[in-house]
Amino acid sequence: MGCLVSTPKDTGGNRRRPGSIGEVSVYVPGLRIPKPVDFSQSLSGHVSKTLVERLTAMRTRIVVMAGQEALTITRTRRKTTTQHGRSTLVDLHQALEDYLPVLLGLVSDGSQLQFKVQFIWVNQEDDAEETAMFNAWYEVLSVLHLMAVLSLSQANLLLLPRTSADFYQPKASEGYLDCAVRHVLPRLPSELRRNLPVDLAEGVLRALCLQALGQGVDIQLGMAIDSTKATLAVKRRLACEMVKYWQQAQDNLMNLPLSNGWGEKHRHFVKWKYVEAKAAAYYYHGLILDEGNTEKSHGMAVAALQAADEYFEESKTACEVFNAAHPLSRNPPLWGTMKYLSEKIPKDTSSKVRINRDLYSHEKNMGTAPTLPDFALALKPNEYQLPPVDPSWNENVQLGHIGTNEVKGG
């Protein structure tokens, strides 16, 4: 059940796309914006007036705040604050958290109320400008996606130098995305799942989750680089795991129609980070191979380091392509892992090639780089469960089956 309405692009002018988004450390998708909903007309006779008014007030607040936030979501110097001194991004996230338990009353225990309200959201990565569905699980999915995007935006601010993030620790975006894939998408009928905007496609949600994990490992690798106790083996393992996260993210986006603005930029970002991760992995793999005492191991080490150098150069080109894709962006100053490796990869590759040539009199073609070791992925998404249904649903005395205060499977 649930009707689908998609509005083609260039018909309504509701999309708000900035021309430039400033410095980017973490990819933040364009903000999907909810459009107003008339709960009173749809739920009249089924839900108490008090509950209808509460749903209306909470969602209207989100519509207004999301509309204001849409053009500032990726700005690196955020000045927009509320009267309490917090950023509107933080307040919007809190408003979504407050709304979700009340919204879940519409889907509790398989209630037929889930099919009575048409929810409309403006897309960013999809060709269709907006998507409307008579299904409250679509609204739950859209809310989780928006919460994840806000967390990614906050993470981007935290990883940029010279910016204030309001001393707010963002929730783990991968938790929301993992919950959306495992517990919300399966609730939608297959027909509706096929017609979801590409912004909410399973592949995009999984890719965003894997990207968050990949960048988490990148931070771990940076900490290992700074630690005197971390061995080369530890650093290589982290770098190789990072490659797998980004490769899986790229695989999830492979067959999706991401050719429209934000979607194309998303694909370029994943390619850039995948190539960058391979440069790090081959660098540490080469250093470990170089610890061997044979001509063969030294030759494999040089081949690995040369591969690292080639991937590093390729990553700079991929980065330029990402920044040139609309909306335009730019790199923050190098920091962490890549600041270190941008200096070490060219220097160590040149040094090892020269030493190898001096050790072994004959010139030898090292051939292709050795295969990277395969490690199991250690970092998993933080667990996030859908909250219990708001107690106000227990006080509802109108006609109709409303359900319990628990959403199964969340």
Protein backbone atom coordinates (compact mmCIF):
# COMPACT_ATOMS: atom_id res chain seq x y z
CA MET A 1 0.00 0.00 0.00
CA GLY A 2 1.05 3.61 -0.38
CA CYS A 3 0.91 5.83 -3.41
CA LEU A 4 3.98 7.34 -4.99
CA VAL A 5 4.24 10.75 -6.58
CA SER A 6 7.52 11.98 -8.06
CA THR A 7 7.87 15.46 -9.49
CA PRO A 8 10.30 15.74 -12.43
CA LYS A 9 13.14 18.19 -12.19
CA ASP A 10 12.82 21.78 -13.29
CA THR A 11 9.13 22.00 -12.47
CA GLY A 12 8.77 23.36 -8.96
CA GLY A 13 11.96 25.20 -8.12
CA ASN A 14 12.00 23.83 -4.57
CA ARG A 15 15.58 22.57 -4.64
CA ARG A 16 18.05 24.86 -2.94
CA ARG A 17 21.54 24.24 -4.21
CA PRO A 18 24.51 26.39 -3.25
CA GLY A 19 27.03 27.29 -5.92
CA SER A 20 29.92 26.57 -3.55
CA ILE A 21 30.17 24.61 -0.30
CA GLY A 22 33.61 25.63 0.91
CA GLU A 23 36.11 23.24 2.50
CA VAL A 24 35.25 19.55 2.62
CA SER A 25 36.81 16.88 4.84
CA VAL A 26 33.65 14.77 5.13
CA TYR A 27 31.21 14.45 2.23
CA VAL A 28 27.83 15.89 3.23
CA PRO A 29 24.95 15.17 0.82
CA GLY A 30 22.56 17.92 -0.12
CA LEU A 31 19.86 18.43 2.49
CA ARG A 32 16.51 16.81 1.69
CA ILE A 33 13.79 19.21 2.80
CA PRO A 34 10.34 18.16 4.06
CA LYS A 35 7.28 19.96 2.73
CA PRO A 36 4.25 20.84 4.87
CA VAL A 37 1.72 18.13 5.75
CA ASP A 38 -1.95 18.52 6.74
CA PHE A 39 -2.27 16.00 9.59
CA SER A 40 -5.73 17.24 10.63
CA GLN A 41 -7.32 16.38 7.29
CA SER A 42 -5.66 12.96 7.05
CA LEU A 43 -6.07 11.81 10.65
CA SER A 44 -9.43 13.39 11.54
CA GLY A 45 -11.61 10.83 13.34
CA HIS A 46 -8.67 8.51 13.98
CA VAL A 47 -6.40 10.48 16.28
CA SER A 48 -7.16 12.95 19.06
CA LYS A 49 -7.02 16.65 18.30
CA THR A 50 -4.24 17.12 20.85
CA LEU A 51 -2.05 14.51 19.15
CA VAL A 52 -2.75 15.94 15.69
CA GLU A 53 -1.76 19.40 16.92
CA ARG A 54 1.44 18.02 18.43
CA LEU A 55 2.43 16.21 15.22
CA THR A 56 1.66 19.34 13.22
CA ALA A 57 3.64 21.66 15.47
CA MET A 58 6.69 19.39 15.62
CA ARG A 59 6.85 18.76 11.89
CA THR A 60 6.15 22.40 10.96
CA ARG A 61 9.11 23.42 13.09
CA ILE A 62 11.29 20.91 11.23
CA VAL A 63 10.05 22.16 7.83
CA VAL A 64 10.96 25.75 8.72
CA MET A 65 14.34 24.90 10.25
CA ALA A 66 15.34 22.55 7.43
CA GLY A 67 14.47 25.18 4.86
CA GLN A 68 16.67 27.70 6.67
CA GLU A 69 19.48 25.20 7.08
CA ALA A 70 19.49 23.96 3.47
CA LEU A 71 21.85 26.60 2.10
CA THR A 72 24.13 26.72 5.16
CA ILE A 73 24.51 22.99 5.84
CA THR A 74 28.02 22.82 4.38
CA ARG A 75 29.35 26.26 5.18
CA THR A 76 32.62 26.07 7.05
CA ARG A 77 32.15 29.33 8.93
CA ARG A 78 28.74 28.95 10.54
CA LYS A 79 27.29 32.04 12.22
CA THR A 80 23.64 31.03 12.37
CA THR A 81 22.63 30.58 16.00
CA THR A 82 19.43 30.45 17.99
CA GLN A 83 18.45 32.77 20.82
CA HIS A 84 20.05 30.23 23.20
CA GLY A 85 23.41 30.49 21.46
CA ARG A 86 23.40 27.05 19.84
CA SER A 87 23.64 26.47 16.11
CA THR A 88 20.46 25.85 14.17
CA LEU A 89 22.05 22.58 13.00
CA VAL A 90 22.11 21.29 16.59
CA ASP A 91 18.55 22.45 17.23
CA LEU A 92 17.28 20.85 14.01
CA HIS A 93 18.86 17.55 15.01
CA GLN A 94 17.16 17.77 18.41
CA ALA A 95 13.83 18.61 16.78
CA LEU A 96 14.09 15.46 14.65
CA GLU A 97 14.92 13.34 17.70
CA ASP A 98 11.87 14.76 19.48
CA TYR A 99 9.60 14.18 16.47
CA LEU A 100 10.60 10.57 15.78
CA PRO A 101 8.92 8.90 18.84
CA VAL A 102 5.66 10.73 18.08
CA LEU A 103 5.86 9.85 14.38
CA LEU A 104 6.40 6.16 15.19
CA GLY A 105 2.89 6.03 16.65
CA LEU A 106 1.61 6.01 13.05
CA VAL A 107 3.40 2.72 12.29
CA SER A 108 3.14 1.02 15.68
CA ASP A 109 1.99 -2.59 15.56
CA GLY A 110 1.18 -2.41 11.86
CA SER A 111 -1.39 0.34 12.34
CA GLN A 112 -3.31 1.34 9.22
CA LEU A 113 -2.61 4.94 10.16
CA GLN A 114 0.73 4.56 8.39
CA PHE A 115 -1.07 4.80 5.03
CA LYS A 116 -3.27 7.84 5.74
CA VAL A 117 -0.78 10.72 5.50
CA GLN A 118 1.05 11.79 2.35
CA PHE A 119 4.62 12.80 3.18
CA ILE A 120 6.56 14.92 0.67
CA TRP A 121 10.30 15.56 0.62
CA VAL A 122 12.45 17.56 -1.79
CA ASN A 123 15.32 15.43 -3.15
CA GLN A 124 18.90 16.42 -3.96
CA GLU A 125 20.65 13.50 -5.67
CA ASP A 126 17.63 12.19 -7.59
CA ASP A 127 16.44 13.48 -10.97
CA ALA A 128 12.92 13.86 -9.54
CA GLU A 129 12.72 17.11 -7.63
CA GLU A 130 10.47 15.70 -4.94
CA THR A 131 8.97 12.40 -3.87
CA ALA A 132 5.62 11.93 -2.08
CA MET A 133 4.37 8.71 -0.50
CA PHE A 134 1.35 7.68 1.54
CA ASN A 135 3.52 5.68 3.91
CA ALA A 136 4.79 6.75 7.34
CA TRP A 137 7.81 4.43 7.05
CA TYR A 138 8.97 6.67 4.19
CA GLU A 139 8.83 9.56 6.64
CA VAL A 140 10.80 7.56 9.24
CA LEU A 141 13.41 6.73 6.59
CA SER A 142 13.65 10.38 5.53
CA VAL A 143 14.03 11.52 9.14
CA LEU A 144 16.86 9.05 9.81
CA HIS A 145 18.59 10.14 6.59
CA LEU A 146 18.32 13.80 7.60
CA MET A 147 19.68 13.04 11.09
CA ALA A 148 22.63 11.24 9.48
CA VAL A 149 23.32 14.15 7.11
CA LEU A 150 23.30 16.61 10.01
CA SER A 151 25.76 14.39 11.89
CA LEU A 152 28.01 14.23 8.82
CA SER A 153 27.88 18.02 8.57
CA GLN A 154 28.88 18.37 12.20
CA ALA A 155 31.70 15.87 11.71
CA ASN A 156 32.94 17.89 8.74
CA LEU A 157 33.06 21.01 10.89
CA LEU A 158 34.94 19.19 13.65
CA LEU A 159 37.58 17.98 11.19
CA LEU A 160 38.19 21.38 9.64
CA PRO A 161 40.78 23.70 11.19
CA ARG A 162 39.81 27.15 12.45
CA THR A 163 36.11 26.34 12.79
CA SER A 164 33.86 26.19 15.82
CA ALA A 165 31.55 23.21 16.18
CA ASP A 166 29.63 24.62 19.15
CA PHE A 167 31.31 22.11 21.46
CA TYR A 168 28.69 19.62 20.32
CA GLN A 169 29.63 15.98 19.89
CA PRO A 170 27.75 14.66 16.83
CA LYS A 171 25.89 11.39 17.02
CA ALA A 172 27.31 8.58 14.93
CA SER A 173 25.86 9.00 11.44
CA GLU A 174 26.57 5.37 10.54
CA GLY A 175 24.21 4.23 13.33
CA TYR A 176 21.25 6.05 11.79
CA LEU A 177 22.13 4.74 8.32
CA ASP A 178 22.61 1.16 9.47
CA CYS A 179 19.26 1.28 11.27
CA ALA A 180 17.61 2.68 8.15
CA VAL A 181 18.96 -0.15 5.99
CA ARG A 182 18.29 -3.01 8.40
CA HIS A 183 15.09 -1.94 10.16
CA VAL A 184 13.24 0.66 8.07
CA LEU A 185 13.78 -0.18 4.39
CA PRO A 186 12.39 -3.73 4.88
CA ARG A 187 9.14 -2.20 6.16
CA LEU A 188 8.43 -0.59 2.80
CA PRO A 189 6.70 -2.66 0.09
CA SER A 190 9.01 -3.69 -2.73
CA GLU A 191 7.23 -1.41 -5.20
CA LEU A 192 7.82 1.65 -3.02
CA ARG A 193 11.43 0.64 -2.39
CA ARG A 194 12.03 0.53 -6.13
CA ASN A 195 10.58 4.01 -6.47
CA LEU A 196 12.45 5.68 -3.64
CA PRO A 197 14.60 8.63 -4.73
CA VAL A 198 18.24 7.71 -5.24
CA ASP A 199 19.02 9.81 -2.13
CA LEU A 200 17.38 7.02 -0.09
CA ALA A 201 18.42 4.04 -2.24
CA GLU A 202 19.90 1.19 -0.22
CA GLY A 203 23.21 1.53 -2.07
CA VAL A 204 23.51 5.23 -1.17
CA LEU A 205 22.64 4.60 2.48
CA ARG A 206 25.15 1.75 2.71
CA ALA A 207 27.81 3.84 0.95
CA LEU A 208 27.34 6.75 3.37
CA CYS A 209 27.61 4.32 6.30
CA LEU A 210 30.81 2.77 4.89
CA GLN A 211 32.26 6.24 4.21
CA ALA A 212 31.74 7.20 7.85
CA LEU A 213 33.48 4.01 8.95
CA GLY A 214 36.30 4.54 6.45
CA GLN A 215 36.93 8.04 7.73
CA GLY A 216 36.79 6.71 11.29
CA VAL A 217 39.63 4.32 10.42
CA ASP A 218 41.48 7.21 8.78
CA ILE A 219 41.38 9.03 12.12
CA GLN A 220 42.62 5.86 13.88
CA LEU A 221 45.50 5.65 11.41
CA GLY A 222 46.38 9.28 12.08
CA MET A 223 46.49 8.53 15.81
CA ALA A 224 48.67 5.47 15.14
CA ILE A 225 51.07 7.61 13.09
CA ASP A 226 51.39 10.01 16.01
CA SER A 227 51.94 7.16 18.50
CA THR A 228 55.43 5.90 19.23
CA LYS A 229 53.99 2.54 20.27
CA ALA A 230 52.07 1.74 17.07
CA THR A 231 53.95 -0.74 14.87
CA LEU A 232 54.15 -0.77 11.08
CA ALA A 233 51.92 -3.85 11.15
CA VAL A 234 49.20 -1.91 12.99
CA LYS A 235 49.41 0.98 10.55
CA ARG A 236 49.31 -1.33 7.54
CA ARG A 237 46.28 -3.14 8.88
CA LEU A 238 44.40 0.12 9.44
CA ALA A 239 45.32 1.37 5.96
CA CYS A 240 44.22 -1.91 4.33
CA GLU A 241 40.93 -1.85 6.24
CA MET A 242 40.39 1.72 5.04
CA VAL A 243 40.80 0.52 1.44
CA LYS A 244 38.09 -2.12 1.95
CA TYR A 245 35.60 0.35 3.41
CA TRP A 246 36.04 2.74 0.48
CA GLN A 247 36.00 -0.07 -2.07
CA GLN A 248 32.71 -1.34 -0.65
CA ALA A 249 31.32 2.21 -0.67
CA GLN A 250 32.26 2.52 -4.33
CA ASP A 251 30.71 -0.87 -5.13
CA ASN A 252 27.42 0.21 -3.52
CA LEU A 253 27.25 3.28 -5.76
CA MET A 254 28.33 1.43 -8.91
CA ASN A 255 25.00 0.93 -10.67
CA LEU A 256 23.03 3.86 -9.26
CA PRO A 257 21.98 6.83 -11.46
CA LEU A 258 24.14 9.39 -9.65
CA SER A 259 24.57 11.88 -12.46
CA ASN A 260 22.61 14.83 -11.11
CA GLY A 261 24.55 17.47 -9.18
CA TRP A 262 25.10 16.15 -5.66
CA GLY A 263 24.99 12.56 -6.88
CA GLU A 264 27.88 13.01 -9.28
CA LYS A 265 29.88 14.82 -6.60
CA HIS A 266 29.18 11.95 -4.20
CA ARG A 267 30.63 9.43 -6.65
CA HIS A 268 33.74 11.59 -7.21
CA PHE A 269 34.33 11.87 -3.46
CA VAL A 270 34.26 8.10 -2.95
CA LYS A 271 36.66 7.55 -5.85
CA TRP A 272 39.06 10.16 -4.46
CA LYS A 273 39.10 8.64 -0.98
CA TYR A 274 39.40 5.09 -2.33
CA VAL A 275 42.51 5.97 -4.34
CA GLU A 276 43.92 7.93 -1.40
CA ALA A 277 43.43 4.93 0.90
CA LYS A 278 45.25 2.67 -1.56
CA ALA A 279 48.22 5.03 -1.51
CA ALA A 280 48.41 4.69 2.28
CA ALA A 281 47.98 0.90 2.22
CA TYR A 282 50.68 0.29 -0.41
CA TYR A 283 53.05 2.63 1.42
CA TYR A 284 52.89 0.67 4.69
CA HIS A 285 52.85 -2.65 2.86
CA GLY A 286 56.03 -1.59 1.07
CA LEU A 287 57.76 -0.62 4.31
CA ILE A 288 57.02 -4.02 5.84
CA LEU A 289 58.18 -5.90 2.73
CA ASP A 290 61.39 -3.88 2.82
CA GLU A 291 62.17 -5.39 6.23
CA GLY A 292 62.87 -8.70 4.45
CA ASN A 293 66.44 -9.75 3.70
CA THR A 294 66.08 -11.03 0.15
CA GLU A 295 66.33 -9.43 -3.24
CA LYS A 296 62.78 -10.58 -3.95
CA SER A 297 61.33 -8.92 -0.86
CA HIS A 298 63.22 -5.71 -1.58
CA GLY A 299 61.95 -5.75 -5.16
CA MET A 300 58.36 -6.26 -3.98
CA ALA A 301 58.82 -3.42 -1.50
CA VAL A 302 59.93 -1.06 -4.26
CA ALA A 303 56.98 -2.12 -6.42
CA ALA A 304 54.58 -1.46 -3.54
CA LEU A 305 56.10 1.94 -2.81
CA GLN A 306 55.99 2.90 -6.48
CA ALA A 307 52.31 1.91 -6.51
CA ALA A 308 51.77 4.09 -3.43
CA ASP A 309 53.42 7.02 -5.20
CA GLU A 310 51.29 6.49 -8.33
CA TYR A 311 48.07 6.24 -6.31
CA PHE A 312 49.04 9.36 -4.36
CA GLU A 313 49.44 11.31 -7.61
CA GLU A 314 46.16 9.86 -8.91
CA SER A 315 44.42 10.90 -5.70
CA LYS A 316 45.43 14.53 -6.26
CA THR A 317 43.79 14.43 -9.69
CA ALA A 318 40.67 12.73 -8.26
CA CYS A 319 40.51 15.43 -5.59
CA GLU A 320 40.59 18.17 -8.24
CA VAL A 321 37.76 16.46 -10.14
CA PHE A 322 35.68 16.26 -6.93
CA ASN A 323 36.22 19.93 -6.10
CA ALA A 324 35.37 21.00 -9.66
CA ALA A 325 32.04 19.11 -9.64
CA HIS A 326 29.03 21.23 -8.67
CA PRO A 327 28.51 22.48 -6.09
CA LEU A 328 32.11 23.65 -6.08
CA SER A 329 34.32 22.89 -3.09
CA ARG A 330 37.91 23.21 -1.98
CA ASN A 331 40.40 21.32 0.16
CA PRO A 332 41.13 22.30 3.74
CA PRO A 333 44.82 22.44 4.71
CA LEU A 334 46.32 18.95 4.87
CA TRP A 335 46.22 17.34 8.30
CA GLY A 336 46.42 13.92 9.91
CA THR A 337 47.21 10.89 7.77
CA MET A 338 47.55 12.61 4.40
CA LYS A 339 49.67 15.47 5.73
CA TYR A 340 52.18 12.89 6.92
CA LEU A 341 51.97 10.66 3.84
CA SER A 342 52.18 13.56 1.37
CA GLU A 343 55.70 14.10 2.64
CA LYS A 344 56.72 10.48 3.25
CA ILE A 345 55.47 8.66 0.16
CA PRO A 346 57.50 10.59 -2.48
CA LYS A 347 60.57 10.78 -0.24
CA ASP A 348 60.64 7.10 0.82
CA THR A 349 59.79 5.80 -2.65
CA SER A 350 62.67 7.70 -4.21
CA SER A 351 65.03 6.57 -1.45
CA LYS A 352 64.11 2.88 -1.64
CA VAL A 353 64.36 2.81 -5.44
CA ARG A 354 67.85 4.31 -5.25
CA ILE A 355 68.99 1.93 -2.49
CA ASN A 356 67.60 -1.08 -4.35
CA ARG A 357 69.41 -0.02 -7.51
CA ASP A 358 72.67 0.33 -5.56
CA LEU A 359 72.28 -3.05 -3.87
CA TYR A 360 71.58 -5.01 -6.99
CA SER A 361 73.76 -4.19 -9.97
CA HIS A 362 71.28 -5.27 -12.65
CA GLU A 363 68.29 -3.12 -13.48
CA LYS A 364 65.10 -5.09 -12.97
CA ASN A 365 61.51 -4.37 -13.85
CA MET A 366 59.59 -4.77 -10.63
CA GLY A 367 56.33 -5.50 -12.45
CA THR A 368 52.95 -5.06 -10.82
CA ALA A 369 52.57 -4.19 -7.18
CA PRO A 370 52.13 -7.08 -4.72
CA THR A 371 48.62 -7.88 -3.54
CA LEU A 372 47.56 -6.10 -0.37
CA PRO A 373 46.87 -8.37 2.62
CA ASP A 374 43.20 -8.98 3.39
CA PHE A 375 42.11 -8.10 6.92
CA ALA A 376 38.68 -8.46 8.48
CA LEU A 377 36.97 -5.12 9.06
CA ALA A 378 37.08 -4.29 12.75
CA LEU A 379 35.09 -1.05 12.94
CA LYS A 380 31.32 -1.59 12.95
CA PRO A 381 28.45 0.92 12.97
CA ASN A 382 27.41 2.16 16.39
CA GLU A 383 24.13 0.50 17.27
CA TYR A 384 21.13 2.76 16.99
CA GLN A 385 17.60 1.59 17.77
CA LEU A 386 14.38 3.33 16.94
CA PRO A 387 13.03 4.95 20.11
CA PRO A 388 9.83 3.68 21.79
CA VAL A 389 6.59 5.26 20.68
CA ASP A 390 5.80 8.47 22.56
CA PRO A 391 3.50 7.89 25.61
CA SER A 392 1.03 10.45 24.25
CA TRP A 393 -0.29 7.70 21.95
CA ASN A 394 -1.46 5.77 25.01
CA GLU A 395 -3.70 8.69 25.89
CA ASN A 396 -5.34 8.75 22.48
CA VAL A 397 -9.01 7.90 22.92
CA GLN A 398 -10.30 8.26 19.37
CA LEU A 399 -11.53 5.41 17.18
CA GLY A 400 -9.20 3.12 15.30
CA HIS A 401 -6.43 0.66 16.18
CA ILE A 402 -3.48 2.74 17.32
CA GLY A 403 -1.10 0.01 18.48
CA THR A 404 1.30 -0.29 21.40
CA ASN A 405 4.17 1.93 22.47
CA GLU A 406 6.82 -0.25 20.87
CA VAL A 407 7.97 -0.62 17.30
CA LYS A 408 9.13 -4.18 16.73
CA GLY A 409 12.41 -4.82 15.00
CA GLY A 410 13.89 -1.40 15.72
